[in-house]
Amino acid sequence: MRRCSRSAPRRKRDWTSSPTERSGASESYSNRFATALEGVDIDHPGTALDRSGHPNPVPRIVGKIRRQHAVEIGDLKFLRAHTKKPVKMTVPGPFTMSQQAQNEYYKSEEAAAMDYAVAVNEEIRDLFAAGADIVQIDEPYMQARPEKARRFGLKALNRALDGIEGTTAVHICFGYAAVIHVRPSGYSFLGELAGCSCRQVSIETAQSDLDCSVLKTLSGKTIILGVIDLNDMTIETPEKVAARIRRALPFVAPENVIVAPDCGMKYLPREVAFEKLKAMVGGAKLVRAELGRTQ
């Protein structure tokens, strides 16, 4: 059993802001990459419904989606220069980006998603070549729009991972707790990721009190297990975190579990986020001790 922390809390910025900040302070899990691509107009935005049904300004797709240059290499180099530990980078998923854009060029959302997938694939290759140990694709809209995800989302995701040999993960969640206040008790799209070529699947369980028996559908995948509630400013005790970890162990071997927060911590005060991460580490240590493991 291992532990994993996501990026430090991030300031919220307008989606059109220039992506000049480091990954710990960037404006969005998706905007930085999505707005750097050729074929999108960010100066004259369109509109798309977010996962809560509210209209949001989004990039307009006005031409063929292409990656013009590597987007996140500078952040990776910064991170690598400050640690000798394994480093993880994240990129937005092709399906999610296709749902966060107004398509005025492609004949279908699927066609747009497939070109987004090519761009993501190129970025992932460059990140591994530059020294990333793990690259995670964030695909929250697969949970929000499961029927579309079944029709073409998984296909696009696998295209994004085509030929990638490094360790890859896919994150799927119910949305930021500060924005999406009602949490379903289960995933509408999860077992389908057994058909994804990623090695790891990242999920949330704390905020939704997830029935972890669903993890049986992901046999062979390492599970990045969300055990920190980002909707509650109360700091968990290590014992509480340990209890959340134990819920998964009847369905996933301990060596295939990595503990993490449920999702990104951008809406948490930094001091709260730090204390929650300390509790996460403490909970993992408790369970490892119970299992007679040191790592």
C-alpha atoms as a PDB file:
ATOM      1  CA  MET A   1       0.000   0.000   0.000  1.00  0.00           C
ATOM      2  CA  ARG A   2       1.376   3.360  -1.025  1.00  0.00           C
ATOM      3  CA  ARG A   3       0.371   6.970  -0.682  1.00  0.00           C
ATOM      4  CA  CYS A   4       0.001   9.630  -3.301  1.00  0.00           C
ATOM      5  CA  SER A   5      -0.792  13.331  -2.994  1.00  0.00           C
ATOM      6  CA  ARG A   6      -2.216  15.474  -5.741  1.00  0.00           C
ATOM      7  CA  SER A   7      -1.100  19.000  -6.543  1.00  0.00           C
ATOM      8  CA  ALA A   8      -1.011  21.622  -3.804  1.00  0.00           C
ATOM      9  CA  PRO A   9      -4.133  23.824  -3.439  1.00  0.00           C
ATOM     10  CA  ARG A  10      -4.530  26.009  -6.478  1.00  0.00           C
ATOM     11  CA  ARG A  11      -5.924  29.481  -6.971  1.00  0.00           C
ATOM     12  CA  LYS A  12      -8.970  29.764  -9.177  1.00  0.00           C
ATOM     13  CA  ARG A  13      -8.421  31.906 -12.260  1.00  0.00           C
ATOM     14  CA  ASP A  14     -10.433  32.863 -15.289  1.00  0.00           C
ATOM     15  CA  TRP A  15     -10.090  30.174 -17.947  1.00  0.00           C
ATOM     16  CA  THR A  16      -8.619  32.612 -20.454  1.00  0.00           C
ATOM     17  CA  SER A  17      -5.669  33.539 -18.223  1.00  0.00           C
ATOM     18  CA  SER A  18      -2.178  32.936 -19.541  1.00  0.00           C
ATOM     19  CA  PRO A  19      -0.749  29.658 -18.245  1.00  0.00           C
ATOM     20  CA  THR A  20       2.423  31.010 -16.677  1.00  0.00           C
ATOM     21  CA  GLU A  21       2.182  29.573 -13.177  1.00  0.00           C
ATOM     22  CA  ARG A  22       3.671  26.315 -11.926  1.00  0.00           C
ATOM     23  CA  SER A  23       1.473  23.237 -11.635  1.00  0.00           C
ATOM     24  CA  GLY A  24       0.817  23.863  -7.936  1.00  0.00           C
ATOM     25  CA  ALA A  25      -0.886  27.153  -8.757  1.00  0.00           C
ATOM     26  CA  SER A  26      -2.368  26.699 -12.218  1.00  0.00           C
ATOM     27  CA  GLU A  27      -5.906  27.741 -13.004  1.00  0.00           C
ATOM     28  CA  SER A  28      -7.527  24.441 -13.911  1.00  0.00           C
ATOM     29  CA  TYR A  29      -6.961  20.741 -14.370  1.00  0.00           C
ATOM     30  CA  SER A  30      -7.887  21.102 -18.048  1.00  0.00           C
ATOM     31  CA  ASN A  31      -7.753  24.694 -19.302  1.00  0.00           C
ATOM     32  CA  ARG A  32      -4.012  25.056 -19.462  1.00  0.00           C
ATOM     33  CA  PHE A  33      -3.596  22.225 -21.934  1.00  0.00           C
ATOM     34  CA  ALA A  34      -6.909  22.627 -23.761  1.00  0.00           C
ATOM     35  CA  THR A  35      -6.386  26.305 -24.548  1.00  0.00           C
ATOM     36  CA  ALA A  36      -2.817  25.762 -25.785  1.00  0.00           C
ATOM     37  CA  LEU A  37      -3.952  23.673 -28.749  1.00  0.00           C
ATOM     38  CA  GLU A  38      -4.253  24.753 -32.363  1.00  0.00           C
ATOM     39  CA  GLY A  39      -7.784  24.791 -33.711  1.00  0.00           C
ATOM     40  CA  VAL A  40      -9.459  26.492 -30.736  1.00  0.00           C
ATOM     41  CA  ASP A  41     -10.554  30.100 -30.396  1.00  0.00           C
ATOM     42  CA  ILE A  42     -10.283  31.368 -26.826  1.00  0.00           C
ATOM     43  CA  ASP A  43     -10.709  35.048 -27.676  1.00  0.00           C
ATOM     44  CA  HIS A  44     -14.299  34.552 -28.831  1.00  0.00           C
ATOM     45  CA  PRO A  45     -15.534  31.791 -26.508  1.00  0.00           C
ATOM     46  CA  GLY A  46     -18.518  29.577 -27.006  1.00  0.00           C
ATOM     47  CA  THR A  47     -20.774  28.028 -24.384  1.00  0.00           C
ATOM     48  CA  ALA A  48     -21.180  24.517 -23.007  1.00  0.00           C
ATOM     49  CA  LEU A  49     -23.041  23.094 -20.049  1.00  0.00           C
ATOM     50  CA  ASP A  50     -20.876  21.992 -17.151  1.00  0.00           C
ATOM     51  CA  ARG A  51     -21.602  18.782 -15.266  1.00  0.00           C
ATOM     52  CA  SER A  52     -24.041  20.591 -12.975  1.00  0.00           C
ATOM     53  CA  GLY A  53     -26.033  21.865 -15.973  1.00  0.00           C
ATOM     54  CA  HIS A  54     -24.856  25.474 -15.871  1.00  0.00           C
ATOM     55  CA  PRO A  55     -23.623  27.246 -19.023  1.00  0.00           C
ATOM     56  CA  ASN A  56     -19.926  28.104 -19.005  1.00  0.00           C
ATOM     57  CA  PRO A  57     -17.681  29.990 -21.446  1.00  0.00           C
ATOM     58  CA  VAL A  58     -15.523  27.440 -23.269  1.00  0.00           C
ATOM     59  CA  PRO A  59     -13.098  27.338 -26.202  1.00  0.00           C
ATOM     60  CA  ARG A  60     -14.700  27.192 -29.649  1.00  0.00           C
ATOM     61  CA  ILE A  61     -13.330  24.527 -31.948  1.00  0.00           C
ATOM     62  CA  VAL A  62     -12.849  26.316 -35.257  1.00  0.00           C
ATOM     63  CA  GLY A  63     -10.224  24.100 -36.928  1.00  0.00           C
ATOM     64  CA  LYS A  64      -8.428  20.781 -36.653  1.00  0.00           C
ATOM     65  CA  ILE A  65      -7.193  20.128 -33.116  1.00  0.00           C
ATOM     66  CA  ARG A  66      -3.409  19.857 -33.049  1.00  0.00           C
ATOM     67  CA  ARG A  67      -0.779  20.176 -30.363  1.00  0.00           C
ATOM     68  CA  GLN A  68       1.594  22.928 -31.434  1.00  0.00           C
ATOM     69  CA  HIS A  69       4.234  22.313 -28.769  1.00  0.00           C
ATOM     70  CA  ALA A  70       4.774  20.580 -25.445  1.00  0.00           C
ATOM     71  CA  VAL A  71       2.682  22.301 -22.785  1.00  0.00           C
ATOM     72  CA  GLU A  72       3.710  20.917 -19.385  1.00  0.00           C
ATOM     73  CA  ILE A  73       7.423  20.177 -19.786  1.00  0.00           C
ATOM     74  CA  GLY A  74       8.416  23.359 -17.929  1.00  0.00           C
ATOM     75  CA  ASP A  75       6.354  22.307 -14.916  1.00  0.00           C
ATOM     76  CA  LEU A  76       7.873  18.837 -14.979  1.00  0.00           C
ATOM     77  CA  LYS A  77      11.398  20.257 -15.060  1.00  0.00           C
ATOM     78  CA  PHE A  78      10.584  22.560 -12.154  1.00  0.00           C
ATOM     79  CA  LEU A  79       9.195  19.663 -10.140  1.00  0.00           C
ATOM     80  CA  ARG A  80      12.070  17.343 -10.993  1.00  0.00           C
ATOM     81  CA  ALA A  81      14.569  19.999  -9.922  1.00  0.00           C
ATOM     82  CA  HIS A  82      13.030  20.106  -6.434  1.00  0.00           C
ATOM     83  CA  THR A  83      12.702  16.425  -5.578  1.00  0.00           C
ATOM     84  CA  LYS A  84      14.434  13.100  -6.014  1.00  0.00           C
ATOM     85  CA  LYS A  85      11.195  11.236  -5.389  1.00  0.00           C
ATOM     86  CA  PRO A  86       8.979   9.859  -8.176  1.00  0.00           C
ATOM     87  CA  VAL A  87       7.002  12.591  -9.912  1.00  0.00           C
ATOM     88  CA  LYS A  88       3.547  12.483 -11.442  1.00  0.00           C
ATOM     89  CA  MET A  89       2.095  14.769 -14.079  1.00  0.00           C
ATOM     90  CA  THR A  90      -1.533  15.133 -15.136  1.00  0.00           C
ATOM     91  CA  VAL A  91      -3.167  15.953 -18.448  1.00  0.00           C
ATOM     92  CA  PRO A  92      -6.858  16.441 -19.275  1.00  0.00           C
ATOM     93  CA  GLY A  93      -8.567  13.582 -21.052  1.00  0.00           C
ATOM     94  CA  PRO A  94      -9.740  13.769 -24.660  1.00  0.00           C
ATOM     95  CA  PHE A  95     -13.348  12.947 -23.829  1.00  0.00           C
ATOM     96  CA  THR A  96     -13.529  15.591 -21.105  1.00  0.00           C
ATOM     97  CA  MET A  97     -12.001  18.243 -23.352  1.00  0.00           C
ATOM     98  CA  SER A  98     -14.523  17.398 -26.079  1.00  0.00           C
ATOM     99  CA  GLN A  99     -17.299  18.080 -23.559  1.00  0.00           C
ATOM    100  CA  GLN A 100     -15.752  21.362 -22.457  1.00  0.00           C
ATOM    101  CA  ALA A 101     -15.721  22.952 -25.899  1.00  0.00           C
ATOM    102  CA  GLN A 102     -18.196  24.310 -28.456  1.00  0.00           C
ATOM    103  CA  ASN A 103     -17.644  22.298 -31.616  1.00  0.00           C
ATOM    104  CA  GLU A 104     -17.991  24.333 -34.822  1.00  0.00           C
ATOM    105  CA  TYR A 105     -15.624  22.321 -36.999  1.00  0.00           C
ATOM    106  CA  TYR A 106     -15.993  18.553 -36.633  1.00  0.00           C
ATOM    107  CA  LYS A 107     -18.941  16.561 -37.859  1.00  0.00           C
ATOM    108  CA  SER A 108     -19.243  14.837 -34.485  1.00  0.00           C
ATOM    109  CA  GLU A 109     -18.048  15.058 -30.898  1.00  0.00           C
ATOM    110  CA  GLU A 110     -16.354  11.711 -31.420  1.00  0.00           C
ATOM    111  CA  ALA A 111     -14.207  13.093 -34.233  1.00  0.00           C
ATOM    112  CA  ALA A 112     -13.174  16.003 -32.007  1.00  0.00           C
ATOM    113  CA  ALA A 113     -12.379  13.663 -29.124  1.00  0.00           C
ATOM    114  CA  MET A 114     -10.161  11.508 -31.341  1.00  0.00           C
ATOM    115  CA  ASP A 115      -8.059  14.499 -32.390  1.00  0.00           C
ATOM    116  CA  TYR A 116      -7.855  15.635 -28.777  1.00  0.00           C
ATOM    117  CA  ALA A 117      -6.607  12.098 -28.065  1.00  0.00           C
ATOM    118  CA  VAL A 118      -3.780  12.470 -30.574  1.00  0.00           C
ATOM    119  CA  ALA A 119      -2.685  15.700 -28.876  1.00  0.00           C
ATOM    120  CA  VAL A 120      -2.799  14.076 -25.431  1.00  0.00           C
ATOM    121  CA  ASN A 121      -0.789  11.108 -26.684  1.00  0.00           C
ATOM    122  CA  GLU A 122       1.935  13.429 -27.978  1.00  0.00           C
ATOM    123  CA  GLU A 123       2.063  15.279 -24.657  1.00  0.00           C
ATOM    124  CA  ILE A 124       2.297  12.068 -22.632  1.00  0.00           C
ATOM    125  CA  ARG A 125       5.172  10.812 -24.783  1.00  0.00           C
ATOM    126  CA  ASP A 126       7.061  14.055 -24.214  1.00  0.00           C
ATOM    127  CA  LEU A 127       6.424  13.982 -20.469  1.00  0.00           C
ATOM    128  CA  PHE A 128       7.836  10.486 -20.116  1.00  0.00           C
ATOM    129  CA  ALA A 129      10.789  11.383 -22.315  1.00  0.00           C
ATOM    130  CA  ALA A 130      11.473  14.364 -20.035  1.00  0.00           C
ATOM    131  CA  GLY A 131      11.519  12.247 -16.883  1.00  0.00           C
ATOM    132  CA  ALA A 132       7.966  11.837 -15.573  1.00  0.00           C
ATOM    133  CA  ASP A 133       7.475   8.631 -13.603  1.00  0.00           C
ATOM    134  CA  ILE A 134       3.675   8.567 -13.865  1.00  0.00           C
ATOM    135  CA  VAL A 135       1.254  10.449 -16.109  1.00  0.00           C
ATOM    136  CA  GLN A 136      -2.419  10.661 -15.176  1.00  0.00           C
ATOM    137  CA  ILE A 137      -5.271  11.478 -17.534  1.00  0.00           C
ATOM    138  CA  ASP A 138      -8.168  13.302 -15.863  1.00  0.00           C
ATOM    139  CA  GLU A 139     -11.537  12.197 -17.251  1.00  0.00           C
ATOM    140  CA  PRO A 140     -14.265  13.404 -14.851  1.00  0.00           C
ATOM    141  CA  TYR A 141     -16.810  13.882 -17.634  1.00  0.00           C
ATOM    142  CA  MET A 142     -16.903  10.139 -18.242  1.00  0.00           C
ATOM    143  CA  GLN A 143     -18.776   9.896 -14.950  1.00  0.00           C
ATOM    144  CA  ALA A 144     -20.952  12.902 -15.773  1.00  0.00           C
ATOM    145  CA  ARG A 145     -21.911  11.695 -19.282  1.00  0.00           C
ATOM    146  CA  PRO A 146     -21.665   7.911 -19.188  1.00  0.00           C
ATOM    147  CA  GLU A 147     -23.654   7.132 -22.337  1.00  0.00           C
ATOM    148  CA  LYS A 148     -21.410   9.283 -24.507  1.00  0.00           C
ATOM    149  CA  ALA A 149     -18.391   7.857 -22.675  1.00  0.00           C
ATOM    150  CA  ARG A 150     -19.497   4.358 -23.633  1.00  0.00           C
ATOM    151  CA  ARG A 151     -20.088   5.354 -27.242  1.00  0.00           C
ATOM    152  CA  PHE A 152     -16.723   6.961 -27.879  1.00  0.00           C
ATOM    153  CA  GLY A 153     -15.008   8.066 -24.671  1.00  0.00           C
ATOM    154  CA  LEU A 154     -13.186   4.824 -23.970  1.00  0.00           C
ATOM    155  CA  LYS A 155     -12.086   4.637 -27.603  1.00  0.00           C
ATOM    156  CA  ALA A 156     -10.619   8.142 -27.375  1.00  0.00           C
ATOM    157  CA  LEU A 157      -8.947   7.354 -24.066  1.00  0.00           C
ATOM    158  CA  ASN A 158      -7.243   4.288 -25.479  1.00  0.00           C
ATOM    159  CA  ARG A 159      -6.073   6.318 -28.473  1.00  0.00           C
ATOM    160  CA  ALA A 160      -4.499   8.793 -26.036  1.00  0.00           C
ATOM    161  CA  LEU A 161      -2.641   5.889 -24.424  1.00  0.00           C
ATOM    162  CA  ASP A 162      -1.703   4.112 -27.642  1.00  0.00           C
ATOM    163  CA  GLY A 163       1.917   2.990 -27.635  1.00  0.00           C
ATOM    164  CA  ILE A 164       2.650   4.503 -24.212  1.00  0.00           C
ATOM    165  CA  GLU A 165       4.958   2.300 -22.156  1.00  0.00           C
ATOM    166  CA  GLY A 166       5.303   4.311 -18.926  1.00  0.00           C
ATOM    167  CA  THR A 167       3.020   4.034 -15.909  1.00  0.00           C
ATOM    168  CA  THR A 168      -0.307   5.703 -16.669  1.00  0.00           C
ATOM    169  CA  ALA A 169      -3.389   6.433 -14.580  1.00  0.00           C
ATOM    170  CA  VAL A 170      -6.923   7.635 -15.275  1.00  0.00           C
ATOM    171  CA  HIS A 171      -8.777   9.761 -12.723  1.00  0.00           C
ATOM    172  CA  ILE A 172     -12.576   9.743 -12.681  1.00  0.00           C
ATOM    173  CA  CYS A 173     -14.628  11.507 -10.028  1.00  0.00           C
ATOM    174  CA  PHE A 174     -17.897  13.270  -9.195  1.00  0.00           C
ATOM    175  CA  GLY A 175     -16.486  16.784  -9.519  1.00  0.00           C
ATOM    176  CA  TYR A 176     -15.082  19.324  -7.086  1.00  0.00           C
ATOM    177  CA  ALA A 177     -17.043  19.161  -3.848  1.00  0.00           C
ATOM    178  CA  ALA A 178     -17.070  22.967  -3.657  1.00  0.00           C
ATOM    179  CA  VAL A 179     -18.982  23.051  -6.954  1.00  0.00           C
ATOM    180  CA  ILE A 180     -20.909  19.758  -7.101  1.00  0.00           C
ATOM    181  CA  HIS A 181     -22.645  19.453  -3.757  1.00  0.00           C
ATOM    182  CA  VAL A 182     -24.694  16.277  -4.275  1.00  0.00           C
ATOM    183  CA  ARG A 183     -22.626  13.099  -4.446  1.00  0.00           C
ATOM    184  CA  PRO A 184     -24.121   9.930  -5.925  1.00  0.00           C
ATOM    185  CA  SER A 185     -23.548   6.731  -3.986  1.00  0.00           C
ATOM    186  CA  GLY A 186     -21.956   4.988  -6.939  1.00  0.00           C
ATOM    187  CA  TYR A 187     -20.273   5.494 -10.284  1.00  0.00           C
ATOM    188  CA  SER A 188     -22.248   5.497 -13.519  1.00  0.00           C
ATOM    189  CA  PHE A 189     -19.053   4.773 -15.467  1.00  0.00           C
ATOM    190  CA  LEU A 190     -16.230   2.847 -13.825  1.00  0.00           C
ATOM    191  CA  GLY A 191     -16.122  -0.856 -14.599  1.00  0.00           C
ATOM    192  CA  GLU A 192     -15.722   0.085 -18.247  1.00  0.00           C
ATOM    193  CA  LEU A 193     -12.198   1.265 -17.418  1.00  0.00           C
ATOM    194  CA  ALA A 194     -11.204  -2.382 -17.168  1.00  0.00           C
ATOM    195  CA  GLY A 195     -11.051  -2.060 -20.950  1.00  0.00           C
ATOM    196  CA  CYS A 196      -8.633   0.859 -20.752  1.00  0.00           C
ATOM    197  CA  SER A 197      -4.919   0.293 -21.297  1.00  0.00           C
ATOM    198  CA  CYS A 198      -3.955   2.433 -18.270  1.00  0.00           C
ATOM    199  CA  ARG A 199      -2.254   0.680 -15.365  1.00  0.00           C
ATOM    200  CA  GLN A 200      -3.931   2.655 -12.578  1.00  0.00           C
ATOM    201  CA  VAL A 201      -7.456   3.959 -11.943  1.00  0.00           C
ATOM    202  CA  SER A 202      -7.978   6.883  -9.554  1.00  0.00           C
ATOM    203  CA  ILE A 203     -11.364   7.152  -7.819  1.00  0.00           C
ATOM    204  CA  GLU A 204     -13.038   8.949  -4.934  1.00  0.00           C
ATOM    205  CA  THR A 205     -14.604   7.042  -2.035  1.00  0.00           C
ATOM    206  CA  ALA A 206     -14.610   9.380   0.974  1.00  0.00           C
ATOM    207  CA  GLN A 207     -17.107  12.063  -0.042  1.00  0.00           C
ATOM    208  CA  SER A 208     -19.531   9.605  -1.637  1.00  0.00           C
ATOM    209  CA  ASP A 209     -19.074   6.852   0.977  1.00  0.00           C
ATOM    210  CA  LEU A 210     -18.597   4.573  -2.018  1.00  0.00           C
ATOM    211  CA  ASP A 211     -19.513   0.911  -1.899  1.00  0.00           C
ATOM    212  CA  CYS A 212     -16.043  -0.406  -2.679  1.00  0.00           C
ATOM    213  CA  SER A 213     -17.308  -3.743  -3.990  1.00  0.00           C
ATOM    214  CA  VAL A 214     -17.393  -2.028  -7.397  1.00  0.00           C
ATOM    215  CA  LEU A 215     -13.598  -2.291  -7.399  1.00  0.00           C
ATOM    216  CA  LYS A 216     -13.981  -5.983  -8.222  1.00  0.00           C
ATOM    217  CA  THR A 217     -14.762  -4.860 -11.775  1.00  0.00           C
ATOM    218  CA  LEU A 218     -11.251  -3.410 -12.129  1.00  0.00           C
ATOM    219  CA  SER A 219      -9.247  -6.574 -11.618  1.00  0.00           C
ATOM    220  CA  GLY A 220      -5.655  -6.148 -12.721  1.00  0.00           C
ATOM    221  CA  LYS A 221      -5.602  -2.380 -12.172  1.00  0.00           C
ATOM    222  CA  THR A 222      -3.800  -0.580  -9.391  1.00  0.00           C
ATOM    223  CA  ILE A 223      -6.393   1.510  -7.537  1.00  0.00           C
ATOM    224  CA  ILE A 224      -5.580   5.058  -6.477  1.00  0.00           C
ATOM    225  CA  LEU A 225      -8.033   5.162  -3.597  1.00  0.00           C
ATOM    226  CA  GLY A 226      -9.476   8.535  -2.620  1.00  0.00           C
ATOM    227  CA  VAL A 227      -9.705   8.593   1.187  1.00  0.00           C
ATOM    228  CA  ILE A 228      -9.746  12.330   1.994  1.00  0.00           C
ATOM    229  CA  ASP A 229     -13.055  14.234   2.068  1.00  0.00           C
ATOM    230  CA  LEU A 230     -12.587  17.594   0.327  1.00  0.00           C
ATOM    231  CA  ASN A 231     -16.075  18.840   1.180  1.00  0.00           C
ATOM    232  CA  ASP A 232     -15.441  18.884   4.924  1.00  0.00           C
ATOM    233  CA  MET A 233     -12.915  21.299   6.416  1.00  0.00           C
ATOM    234  CA  THR A 234     -12.622  19.038   9.469  1.00  0.00           C
ATOM    235  CA  ILE A 235      -9.249  17.303   9.532  1.00  0.00           C
ATOM    236  CA  GLU A 236      -9.628  13.532   9.440  1.00  0.00           C
ATOM    237  CA  THR A 237      -7.904  11.476  12.093  1.00  0.00           C
ATOM    238  CA  PRO A 238      -5.487   8.797  10.895  1.00  0.00           C
ATOM    239  CA  GLU A 239      -7.954   6.255  12.298  1.00  0.00           C
ATOM    240  CA  LYS A 240     -10.723   7.635  10.085  1.00  0.00           C
ATOM    241  CA  VAL A 241      -8.503   7.413   7.035  1.00  0.00           C
ATOM    242  CA  ALA A 242      -7.492   3.871   7.961  1.00  0.00           C
ATOM    243  CA  ALA A 243     -11.162   2.864   8.161  1.00  0.00           C
ATOM    244  CA  ARG A 244     -11.724   4.197   4.640  1.00  0.00           C
ATOM    245  CA  ILE A 245      -8.743   2.233   3.356  1.00  0.00           C
ATOM    246  CA  ARG A 246      -9.967  -0.992   4.981  1.00  0.00           C
ATOM    247  CA  ARG A 247     -13.277  -0.756   3.088  1.00  0.00           C
ATOM    248  CA  ALA A 248     -11.424  -1.437  -0.161  1.00  0.00           C
ATOM    249  CA  LEU A 249      -9.197  -4.283   0.957  1.00  0.00           C
ATOM    250  CA  PRO A 250     -11.768  -7.087   0.583  1.00  0.00           C
ATOM    251  CA  PHE A 251     -11.874  -6.220  -3.122  1.00  0.00           C
ATOM    252  CA  VAL A 252      -8.328  -5.084  -3.956  1.00  0.00           C
ATOM    253  CA  ALA A 253      -5.033  -6.610  -2.836  1.00  0.00           C
ATOM    254  CA  PRO A 254      -3.143  -4.202  -0.548  1.00  0.00           C
ATOM    255  CA  GLU A 255      -0.163  -4.103  -2.902  1.00  0.00           C
ATOM    256  CA  ASN A 256      -2.496  -2.729  -5.576  1.00  0.00           C
ATOM    257  CA  VAL A 257      -3.746   0.195  -3.474  1.00  0.00           C
ATOM    258  CA  ILE A 258      -2.314   3.720  -3.482  1.00  0.00           C
ATOM    259  CA  VAL A 259      -4.035   6.162  -1.124  1.00  0.00           C
ATOM    260  CA  ALA A 260      -4.779   9.721  -2.226  1.00  0.00           C
ATOM    261  CA  PRO A 261      -7.246  12.574  -1.713  1.00  0.00           C
ATOM    262  CA  ASP A 262     -10.607  12.131  -3.417  1.00  0.00           C
ATOM    263  CA  CYS A 263      -9.816  14.798  -6.017  1.00  0.00           C
ATOM    264  CA  GLY A 264      -7.849  18.033  -6.433  1.00  0.00           C
ATOM    265  CA  MET A 265      -7.428  20.219  -3.356  1.00  0.00           C
ATOM    266  CA  LYS A 266      -7.613  23.608  -5.074  1.00  0.00           C
ATOM    267  CA  TYR A 267     -10.578  24.849  -3.027  1.00  0.00           C
ATOM    268  CA  LEU A 268      -9.089  23.986   0.369  1.00  0.00           C
ATOM    269  CA  PRO A 269      -7.096  26.468   2.460  1.00  0.00           C
ATOM    270  CA  ARG A 270      -3.455  25.440   2.290  1.00  0.00           C
ATOM    271  CA  GLU A 271      -3.191  24.722   6.011  1.00  0.00           C
ATOM    272  CA  VAL A 272      -6.278  22.480   5.904  1.00  0.00           C
ATOM    273  CA  ALA A 273      -4.970  20.619   2.861  1.00  0.00           C
ATOM    274  CA  PHE A 274      -1.601  20.045   4.528  1.00  0.00           C
ATOM    275  CA  GLU A 275      -3.143  18.651   7.707  1.00  0.00           C
ATOM    276  CA  LYS A 276      -5.427  16.376   5.714  1.00  0.00           C
ATOM    277  CA  LEU A 277      -2.431  15.017   3.811  1.00  0.00           C
ATOM    278  CA  LYS A 278      -0.660  14.344   7.111  1.00  0.00           C
ATOM    279  CA  ALA A 279      -3.719  12.389   8.266  1.00  0.00           C
ATOM    280  CA  MET A 280      -3.683  10.443   4.988  1.00  0.00           C
ATOM    281  CA  VAL A 281      -0.074   9.418   5.587  1.00  0.00           C
ATOM    282  CA  GLY A 282      -0.896   8.477   9.163  1.00  0.00           C
ATOM    283  CA  GLY A 283      -3.840   6.337   8.084  1.00  0.00           C
ATOM    284  CA  ALA A 284      -1.742   4.498   5.525  1.00  0.00           C
ATOM    285  CA  LYS A 285       0.892   3.768   8.184  1.00  0.00           C
ATOM    286  CA  LEU A 286      -1.755   2.312  10.502  1.00  0.00           C
ATOM    287  CA  VAL A 287      -3.058  -0.081   7.864  1.00  0.00           C
ATOM    288  CA  ARG A 288       0.421  -1.094   6.754  1.00  0.00           C
ATOM    289  CA  ALA A 289       1.262  -1.925  10.361  1.00  0.00           C
ATOM    290  CA  GLU A 290      -1.882  -4.045  10.642  1.00  0.00           C
ATOM    291  CA  LEU A 291      -0.850  -5.938   7.537  1.00  0.00           C
ATOM    292  CA  GLY A 292       2.707  -6.364   8.723  1.00  0.00           C
ATOM    293  CA  ARG A 293       4.099  -4.279   5.896  1.00  0.00           C
ATOM    294  CA  THR A 294       6.622  -1.465   5.956  1.00  0.00           C
ATOM    295  CA  GLN A 295       5.738  -0.027   2.526  1.00  0.00           C
END
